[in-house]
């Protein structure tokens, strides 16, 4: 992956949110909103009450002003999706801090959604492309073998 070091920095930021759960939070969180400002490299995480939970500057994500591209790059989206998948596999979202259904979304500064990164509803999880890669080939092989018998 292109941004492995950055993913580890962000993972630390998310883990610090859960470490502070007894002091900061009155109620459980159902939605997390992630904002990436490519002009400053600032990554901010908000809860469903639009309260800032954590912030980290990722210098490699800063884009020159000449680019004037307000949309988040696909590499950054892929990194965030991979991080959410990793946190889900490590049962990070099973903490008492979070309650299902839980949604993690990448949003613009006005909180309009760019991309849904993760959705969990008890045993249901929104599955993205990387988790489904190779399924078509496996199913084709299975059906071919089944029909051959």
N, C-alpha and C. Protein backbone atom coordinates (compact mmCIF):
# COMPACT_ATOMS: atom_id res chain seq x y z
N UNK A 1 0.85 -1.18 0.00
CA UNK A 1 0.00 0.00 0.00
C UNK A 1 0.89 1.24 0.00
N UNK A 2 0.42 2.27 -0.62
CA UNK A 2 1.21 3.49 -0.82
C UNK A 2 1.50 4.24 0.47
N UNK A 3 0.56 4.29 1.40
CA UNK A 3 0.69 5.12 2.60
C UNK A 3 0.71 4.28 3.88
N UNK A 4 1.61 3.28 3.97
CA UNK A 4 1.66 2.41 5.15
C UNK A 4 1.99 3.17 6.43
N UNK A 5 3.00 4.03 6.39
CA UNK A 5 3.39 4.79 7.59
C UNK A 5 2.27 5.72 8.04
N UNK A 6 1.61 6.33 7.08
CA UNK A 6 0.52 7.24 7.39
C UNK A 6 -0.65 6.47 8.00
N UNK A 7 -0.89 5.27 7.49
CA UNK A 7 -1.96 4.43 8.02
C UNK A 7 -1.68 4.09 9.49
N UNK A 8 -0.42 3.82 9.81
CA UNK A 8 -0.06 3.50 11.20
C UNK A 8 -0.25 4.72 12.11
N UNK A 9 0.08 5.92 11.61
CA UNK A 9 -0.15 7.15 12.38
C UNK A 9 -1.63 7.34 12.67
N UNK A 10 -2.45 7.11 11.65
CA UNK A 10 -3.90 7.26 11.82
C UNK A 10 -4.47 6.19 12.74
N UNK A 11 -3.93 4.99 12.67
CA UNK A 11 -4.37 3.92 13.55
C UNK A 11 -4.12 4.31 15.00
N UNK A 12 -2.96 4.88 15.26
CA UNK A 12 -2.66 5.36 16.61
C UNK A 12 -3.65 6.42 17.07
N UNK A 13 -4.04 7.29 16.15
CA UNK A 13 -5.02 8.33 16.47
C UNK A 13 -6.36 7.69 16.86
N UNK A 14 -6.81 6.69 16.08
CA UNK A 14 -8.07 6.02 16.39
C UNK A 14 -7.99 5.27 17.71
N UNK A 15 -6.87 4.62 17.97
CA UNK A 15 -6.72 3.89 19.23
C UNK A 15 -6.74 4.85 20.41
N UNK A 16 -6.23 6.06 20.25
CA UNK A 16 -6.25 7.04 21.34
C UNK A 16 -7.68 7.50 21.64
N UNK A 17 -8.55 7.48 20.65
CA UNK A 17 -9.96 7.84 20.89
C UNK A 17 -10.58 6.84 21.86
N UNK A 18 -10.36 5.56 21.63
CA UNK A 18 -10.94 4.52 22.48
C UNK A 18 -10.30 4.52 23.87
N UNK A 19 -9.02 4.91 23.98
CA UNK A 19 -8.36 4.96 25.28
C UNK A 19 -9.00 5.97 26.21
N UNK A 20 -9.53 7.04 25.65
CA UNK A 20 -10.11 8.12 26.44
C UNK A 20 -11.60 7.95 26.69
N UNK A 21 -12.17 6.79 26.36
CA UNK A 21 -13.62 6.66 26.36
C UNK A 21 -14.28 6.99 27.69
N UNK A 22 -13.67 6.66 28.81
CA UNK A 22 -14.32 6.90 30.10
C UNK A 22 -14.38 8.39 30.45
N UNK A 23 -13.44 9.18 29.98
CA UNK A 23 -13.37 10.57 30.34
C UNK A 23 -14.17 11.49 29.42
N UNK A 24 -14.18 11.21 28.13
CA UNK A 24 -14.72 12.14 27.14
C UNK A 24 -16.19 11.94 26.80
N UNK A 25 -16.67 10.72 26.82
CA UNK A 25 -17.94 10.41 26.17
C UNK A 25 -19.05 10.13 27.16
N UNK A 26 -20.18 10.77 26.90
CA UNK A 26 -21.37 10.57 27.72
C UNK A 26 -22.23 9.47 27.11
N UNK A 27 -22.31 9.43 25.79
CA UNK A 27 -23.12 8.42 25.11
C UNK A 27 -22.29 7.68 24.07
N UNK A 28 -22.83 6.59 23.60
CA UNK A 28 -22.15 5.79 22.60
C UNK A 28 -22.14 6.50 21.24
N UNK A 29 -21.19 6.12 20.42
CA UNK A 29 -21.05 6.73 19.10
C UNK A 29 -21.64 5.79 18.05
N UNK A 30 -22.49 6.35 17.17
CA UNK A 30 -23.08 5.60 16.06
C UNK A 30 -22.44 5.96 14.73
N UNK A 31 -21.88 7.16 14.64
CA UNK A 31 -21.30 7.64 13.38
C UNK A 31 -19.96 8.29 13.65
N UNK A 32 -18.99 7.98 12.79
CA UNK A 32 -17.71 8.68 12.79
C UNK A 32 -17.56 9.35 11.44
N UNK A 33 -17.15 10.60 11.46
CA UNK A 33 -16.93 11.35 10.23
C UNK A 33 -15.46 11.74 10.16
N UNK A 34 -14.84 11.42 9.04
CA UNK A 34 -13.43 11.75 8.84
C UNK A 34 -13.34 12.82 7.77
N UNK A 35 -12.63 13.89 8.10
CA UNK A 35 -12.38 14.96 7.14
C UNK A 35 -10.89 15.01 6.84
N UNK A 36 -10.55 15.13 5.56
CA UNK A 36 -9.15 15.26 5.14
C UNK A 36 -9.02 16.58 4.40
N UNK A 37 -8.19 17.46 4.92
CA UNK A 37 -7.91 18.74 4.27
C UNK A 37 -6.55 18.61 3.59
N UNK A 38 -6.57 18.45 2.26
CA UNK A 38 -5.33 18.23 1.55
C UNK A 38 -4.48 19.49 1.42
N UNK A 39 -5.04 20.65 1.73
CA UNK A 39 -4.26 21.88 1.71
C UNK A 39 -3.31 21.94 2.91
N UNK A 40 -3.75 21.36 4.05
CA UNK A 40 -2.94 21.39 5.27
C UNK A 40 -2.47 20.00 5.71
N UNK A 41 -3.05 18.95 5.14
CA UNK A 41 -2.73 17.58 5.56
C UNK A 41 -3.45 17.17 6.83
N UNK A 42 -4.36 17.99 7.30
CA UNK A 42 -5.06 17.73 8.56
C UNK A 42 -6.15 16.68 8.36
N UNK A 43 -6.12 15.65 9.21
CA UNK A 43 -7.15 14.61 9.23
C UNK A 43 -7.87 14.74 10.57
N UNK A 44 -9.18 14.94 10.51
CA UNK A 44 -9.96 15.14 11.72
C UNK A 44 -11.07 14.09 11.80
N UNK A 45 -11.33 13.63 13.01
CA UNK A 45 -12.38 12.64 13.25
C UNK A 45 -13.42 13.27 14.17
N UNK A 46 -14.69 13.22 13.72
CA UNK A 46 -15.81 13.77 14.47
C UNK A 46 -16.79 12.66 14.83
N UNK A 47 -17.52 12.87 15.92
CA UNK A 47 -18.58 11.91 16.27
C UNK A 47 -19.90 12.36 15.67
N UNK A 48 -20.99 11.67 16.01
CA UNK A 48 -22.29 11.98 15.42
C UNK A 48 -22.88 13.28 15.94
N UNK A 49 -22.26 13.90 16.93
CA UNK A 49 -22.68 15.22 17.40
C UNK A 49 -21.76 16.32 16.86
N UNK A 50 -20.99 15.99 15.85
CA UNK A 50 -20.03 16.91 15.21
C UNK A 50 -18.98 17.41 16.18
N UNK A 51 -18.69 16.61 17.19
CA UNK A 51 -17.66 16.95 18.16
C UNK A 51 -16.32 16.39 17.67
N UNK A 52 -15.29 17.21 17.65
CA UNK A 52 -13.96 16.77 17.23
C UNK A 52 -13.40 15.81 18.26
N UNK A 53 -13.07 14.59 17.83
CA UNK A 53 -12.54 13.57 18.72
C UNK A 53 -11.02 13.50 18.65
N UNK A 54 -10.48 13.68 17.45
CA UNK A 54 -9.03 13.56 17.27
C UNK A 54 -8.62 14.24 15.98
N UNK A 55 -7.35 14.59 15.93
CA UNK A 55 -6.83 15.26 14.75
C UNK A 55 -5.36 14.89 14.59
N UNK A 56 -4.92 14.78 13.35
CA UNK A 56 -3.52 14.44 13.06
C UNK A 56 -3.17 15.06 11.72
N UNK A 57 -1.95 15.60 11.61
CA UNK A 57 -1.48 16.15 10.34
C UNK A 57 -0.66 15.08 9.64
N UNK A 58 -1.04 14.78 8.40
CA UNK A 58 -0.32 13.82 7.56
C UNK A 58 0.34 14.64 6.45
N UNK A 59 1.61 14.92 6.62
CA UNK A 59 2.31 15.82 5.70
C UNK A 59 2.38 15.29 4.28
N UNK A 60 2.43 13.98 4.10
CA UNK A 60 2.49 13.42 2.74
C UNK A 60 1.18 13.62 1.98
N UNK A 61 0.12 13.96 2.67
CA UNK A 61 -1.17 14.14 2.01
C UNK A 61 -1.42 15.59 1.59
N UNK A 62 -0.46 16.46 1.85
CA UNK A 62 -0.62 17.86 1.45
C UNK A 62 -0.42 17.98 -0.06
N UNK A 63 -1.39 18.65 -0.69
CA UNK A 63 -1.35 18.87 -2.14
C UNK A 63 -1.03 20.33 -2.38
N UNK A 64 -0.20 20.58 -3.39
CA UNK A 64 0.15 21.96 -3.72
C UNK A 64 -1.10 22.77 -4.05
N UNK A 65 -1.06 24.04 -3.72
CA UNK A 65 -2.22 24.91 -3.97
C UNK A 65 -2.55 25.01 -5.45
N UNK A 66 -1.54 24.86 -6.31
CA UNK A 66 -1.78 24.95 -7.75
C UNK A 66 -2.73 23.86 -8.24
N UNK A 67 -2.75 22.73 -7.54
CA UNK A 67 -3.59 21.61 -7.98
C UNK A 67 -5.08 21.96 -7.85
N UNK A 68 -5.43 22.69 -6.78
CA UNK A 68 -6.82 23.13 -6.53
C UNK A 68 -7.85 22.02 -6.69
N UNK A 69 -7.48 20.85 -6.28
CA UNK A 69 -8.39 19.71 -6.33
C UNK A 69 -8.98 19.53 -4.94
N UNK A 70 -10.25 19.81 -4.79
CA UNK A 70 -10.89 19.73 -3.48
C UNK A 70 -11.28 18.30 -3.10
N UNK A 71 -11.34 17.41 -4.07
CA UNK A 71 -11.70 16.03 -3.78
C UNK A 71 -10.50 15.26 -3.24
N UNK A 72 -10.77 14.35 -2.35
CA UNK A 72 -9.73 13.53 -1.74
C UNK A 72 -9.27 12.49 -2.76
N UNK A 73 -7.96 12.27 -2.83
CA UNK A 73 -7.41 11.33 -3.82
C UNK A 73 -7.85 9.90 -3.53
N UNK A 74 -7.89 9.09 -4.57
CA UNK A 74 -8.28 7.68 -4.44
C UNK A 74 -7.30 6.90 -3.58
N UNK A 75 -6.01 7.29 -3.59
CA UNK A 75 -5.02 6.62 -2.73
C UNK A 75 -5.34 6.84 -1.26
N UNK A 76 -5.77 8.05 -0.92
CA UNK A 76 -6.12 8.35 0.47
C UNK A 76 -7.38 7.59 0.86
N UNK A 77 -8.37 7.55 -0.02
CA UNK A 77 -9.60 6.80 0.26
C UNK A 77 -9.28 5.32 0.47
N UNK A 78 -8.44 4.77 -0.40
CA UNK A 78 -8.06 3.35 -0.27
C UNK A 78 -7.33 3.10 1.05
N UNK A 79 -6.47 4.03 1.46
CA UNK A 79 -5.75 3.89 2.73
C UNK A 79 -6.72 3.91 3.90
N UNK A 80 -7.69 4.83 3.88
CA UNK A 80 -8.68 4.92 4.95
C UNK A 80 -9.58 3.68 5.00
N UNK A 81 -9.97 3.17 3.84
CA UNK A 81 -10.78 1.95 3.81
C UNK A 81 -10.00 0.77 4.38
N UNK A 82 -8.73 0.68 4.00
CA UNK A 82 -7.89 -0.40 4.51
C UNK A 82 -7.73 -0.30 6.02
N UNK A 83 -7.56 0.92 6.52
CA UNK A 83 -7.45 1.13 7.96
C UNK A 83 -8.74 0.71 8.67
N UNK A 84 -9.90 1.08 8.13
CA UNK A 84 -11.17 0.71 8.75
C UNK A 84 -11.34 -0.80 8.76
N UNK A 85 -10.97 -1.46 7.65
CA UNK A 85 -11.04 -2.92 7.59
C UNK A 85 -10.15 -3.54 8.66
N UNK A 86 -8.94 -3.01 8.79
CA UNK A 86 -7.99 -3.51 9.78
C UNK A 86 -8.52 -3.32 11.20
N UNK A 87 -9.04 -2.14 11.49
CA UNK A 87 -9.61 -1.89 12.82
C UNK A 87 -10.80 -2.80 13.10
N UNK A 88 -11.62 -3.05 12.09
CA UNK A 88 -12.77 -3.95 12.24
C UNK A 88 -12.29 -5.37 12.55
N UNK A 89 -11.27 -5.82 11.82
CA UNK A 89 -10.73 -7.17 12.05
C UNK A 89 -10.14 -7.31 13.45
N UNK A 90 -9.59 -6.22 13.97
CA UNK A 90 -9.00 -6.22 15.31
C UNK A 90 -10.05 -5.94 16.39
N UNK A 91 -11.32 -5.88 16.00
CA UNK A 91 -12.46 -5.70 16.89
C UNK A 91 -12.42 -4.36 17.64
N UNK A 92 -11.81 -3.37 17.02
CA UNK A 92 -11.75 -2.02 17.59
C UNK A 92 -13.15 -1.45 17.81
N UNK A 93 -14.04 -1.68 16.86
CA UNK A 93 -15.38 -1.10 16.92
C UNK A 93 -16.30 -1.89 17.85
N UNK A 94 -15.81 -2.96 18.48
CA UNK A 94 -16.58 -3.72 19.46
C UNK A 94 -16.50 -3.09 20.84
N UNK A 95 -15.72 -2.04 20.97
CA UNK A 95 -15.57 -1.31 22.23
C UNK A 95 -16.93 -0.78 22.68
N UNK A 96 -17.09 -0.60 23.99
CA UNK A 96 -18.33 -0.03 24.53
C UNK A 96 -18.55 1.40 24.05
N UNK A 97 -17.52 2.02 23.53
CA UNK A 97 -17.61 3.37 23.02
C UNK A 97 -18.53 3.45 21.79
N UNK A 98 -18.58 2.37 21.02
CA UNK A 98 -19.35 2.35 19.78
C UNK A 98 -20.58 1.48 19.93
N UNK A 99 -21.64 1.88 19.23
CA UNK A 99 -22.88 1.13 19.25
C UNK A 99 -23.36 0.92 17.82
N UNK A 100 -23.91 -0.25 17.54
CA UNK A 100 -24.39 -0.53 16.19
C UNK A 100 -25.81 -0.01 16.04
N UNK A 101 -26.22 0.37 14.86
CA UNK A 101 -25.42 0.40 13.65
C UNK A 101 -24.36 1.51 13.72
N UNK A 102 -23.20 1.20 13.18
CA UNK A 102 -22.08 2.14 13.18
C UNK A 102 -21.68 2.43 11.74
N UNK A 103 -21.48 3.69 11.46
CA UNK A 103 -21.08 4.11 10.13
C UNK A 103 -19.82 4.98 10.25
N UNK A 104 -18.84 4.72 9.38
CA UNK A 104 -17.64 5.56 9.30
C UNK A 104 -17.61 6.13 7.89
N UNK A 105 -17.64 7.45 7.81
CA UNK A 105 -17.74 8.10 6.50
C UNK A 105 -16.65 9.15 6.32
N UNK A 106 -16.15 9.23 5.09
CA UNK A 106 -15.25 10.30 4.70
C UNK A 106 -16.14 11.43 4.21
N UNK A 107 -15.95 12.63 4.79
CA UNK A 107 -16.83 13.76 4.48
C UNK A 107 -16.04 15.01 4.12
N UNK A 108 -16.73 15.92 3.43
CA UNK A 108 -16.17 17.24 3.13
C UNK A 108 -16.31 18.13 4.37
N UNK A 109 -15.82 19.36 4.30
CA UNK A 109 -15.89 20.27 5.45
C UNK A 109 -17.33 20.61 5.84
N UNK A 110 -18.28 20.50 4.89
CA UNK A 110 -19.69 20.74 5.21
C UNK A 110 -20.42 19.45 5.63
N UNK A 111 -19.66 18.39 5.84
CA UNK A 111 -20.14 17.08 6.27
C UNK A 111 -20.97 16.36 5.20
N UNK A 112 -20.87 16.77 3.95
CA UNK A 112 -21.49 15.99 2.88
C UNK A 112 -20.58 14.79 2.60
N UNK A 113 -21.17 13.66 2.35
CA UNK A 113 -20.43 12.39 2.26
C UNK A 113 -19.68 12.27 0.93
N UNK A 114 -18.41 11.92 1.04
CA UNK A 114 -17.60 11.59 -0.14
C UNK A 114 -17.65 10.09 -0.36
N UNK A 115 -17.46 9.33 0.73
CA UNK A 115 -17.38 7.87 0.63
C UNK A 115 -17.72 7.25 1.98
N UNK A 116 -18.49 6.17 1.95
CA UNK A 116 -18.71 5.40 3.17
C UNK A 116 -17.57 4.41 3.29
N UNK A 117 -16.84 4.49 4.39
CA UNK A 117 -15.66 3.66 4.58
C UNK A 117 -15.99 2.34 5.28
N UNK A 118 -17.00 2.37 6.14
CA UNK A 118 -17.37 1.16 6.87
C UNK A 118 -18.78 1.32 7.39
N UNK A 119 -19.54 0.23 7.35
CA UNK A 119 -20.86 0.21 7.96
C UNK A 119 -21.01 -1.12 8.66
N UNK A 120 -21.33 -1.08 9.95
CA UNK A 120 -21.47 -2.30 10.74
C UNK A 120 -22.82 -2.26 11.44
N UNK A 121 -23.58 -3.33 11.29
CA UNK A 121 -24.86 -3.47 11.99
C UNK A 121 -24.90 -4.88 12.55
N UNK A 122 -24.46 -5.04 13.78
CA UNK A 122 -24.28 -6.33 14.43
C UNK A 122 -23.44 -7.24 13.55
N UNK A 123 -24.05 -8.21 12.88
CA UNK A 123 -23.26 -9.14 12.07
C UNK A 123 -23.15 -8.72 10.61
N UNK A 124 -23.68 -7.55 10.27
CA UNK A 124 -23.63 -7.07 8.89
C UNK A 124 -22.53 -6.04 8.76
N UNK A 125 -21.70 -6.20 7.73
CA UNK A 125 -20.64 -5.24 7.47
C UNK A 125 -20.67 -4.90 5.99
N UNK A 126 -20.59 -3.61 5.67
CA UNK A 126 -20.51 -3.19 4.29
C UNK A 126 -19.18 -3.67 3.73
N UNK A 127 -19.25 -4.42 2.66
CA UNK A 127 -18.05 -5.02 2.10
C UNK A 127 -17.61 -4.21 0.90
N UNK A 128 -16.33 -3.89 0.86
CA UNK A 128 -15.79 -3.12 -0.26
C UNK A 128 -15.03 -4.04 -1.21
N UNK A 129 -14.65 -3.50 -2.34
CA UNK A 129 -14.00 -4.27 -3.40
C UNK A 129 -12.81 -5.13 -2.94
N UNK A 130 -11.85 -4.60 -2.15
CA UNK A 130 -10.70 -5.42 -1.80
C UNK A 130 -11.07 -6.72 -1.10
N UNK A 131 -12.16 -6.72 -0.35
CA UNK A 131 -12.56 -7.95 0.32
C UNK A 131 -13.19 -8.95 -0.65
N UNK A 132 -13.70 -8.47 -1.78
CA UNK A 132 -14.37 -9.33 -2.74
C UNK A 132 -13.48 -9.77 -3.90
N UNK A 133 -12.26 -9.26 -3.96
CA UNK A 133 -11.39 -9.61 -5.08
C UNK A 133 -11.18 -11.12 -5.13
N UNK A 134 -11.30 -11.68 -6.31
CA UNK A 134 -11.06 -13.10 -6.50
C UNK A 134 -12.30 -13.96 -6.29
N UNK A 135 -13.37 -13.39 -5.79
CA UNK A 135 -14.58 -14.18 -5.54
C UNK A 135 -15.16 -14.69 -6.85
N UNK A 136 -15.16 -13.87 -7.90
CA UNK A 136 -15.70 -14.30 -9.19
C UNK A 136 -14.99 -15.54 -9.70
N UNK A 137 -13.66 -15.52 -9.65
CA UNK A 137 -12.89 -16.68 -10.13
C UNK A 137 -13.19 -17.92 -9.30
N UNK A 138 -13.26 -17.75 -7.98
CA UNK A 138 -13.55 -18.88 -7.10
C UNK A 138 -14.93 -19.46 -7.39
N UNK A 139 -15.91 -18.59 -7.59
CA UNK A 139 -17.26 -19.08 -7.90
C UNK A 139 -17.30 -19.77 -9.26
N UNK A 140 -16.60 -19.22 -10.25
CA UNK A 140 -16.55 -19.84 -11.57
C UNK A 140 -15.93 -21.24 -11.49
N UNK A 141 -14.84 -21.38 -10.74
CA UNK A 141 -14.19 -22.69 -10.58
C UNK A 141 -15.13 -23.67 -9.89
N UNK A 142 -15.81 -23.18 -8.84
CA UNK A 142 -16.73 -24.03 -8.10
C UNK A 142 -17.87 -24.52 -8.98
N UNK A 143 -18.46 -23.61 -9.75
CA UNK A 143 -19.58 -23.98 -10.62
C UNK A 143 -19.11 -24.92 -11.72
N UNK A 144 -17.95 -24.67 -12.30
CA UNK A 144 -17.41 -25.54 -13.35
C UNK A 144 -17.18 -26.96 -12.81
N UNK A 145 -16.62 -27.03 -11.60
CA UNK A 145 -16.37 -28.35 -10.98
C UNK A 145 -17.68 -29.04 -10.65
N UNK A 146 -18.65 -28.28 -10.16
CA UNK A 146 -19.94 -28.82 -9.80
C UNK A 146 -20.69 -29.36 -11.03
N UNK A 147 -20.64 -28.62 -12.13
CA UNK A 147 -21.32 -29.03 -13.36
C UNK A 147 -20.60 -30.20 -14.03
N UNK A 148 -19.28 -30.29 -13.84
CA UNK A 148 -18.51 -31.38 -14.43
C UNK A 148 -18.83 -32.71 -13.77
N UNK A 149 -19.17 -32.66 -12.49
CA UNK A 149 -19.50 -33.90 -11.75
C UNK A 149 -20.86 -34.32 -12.11
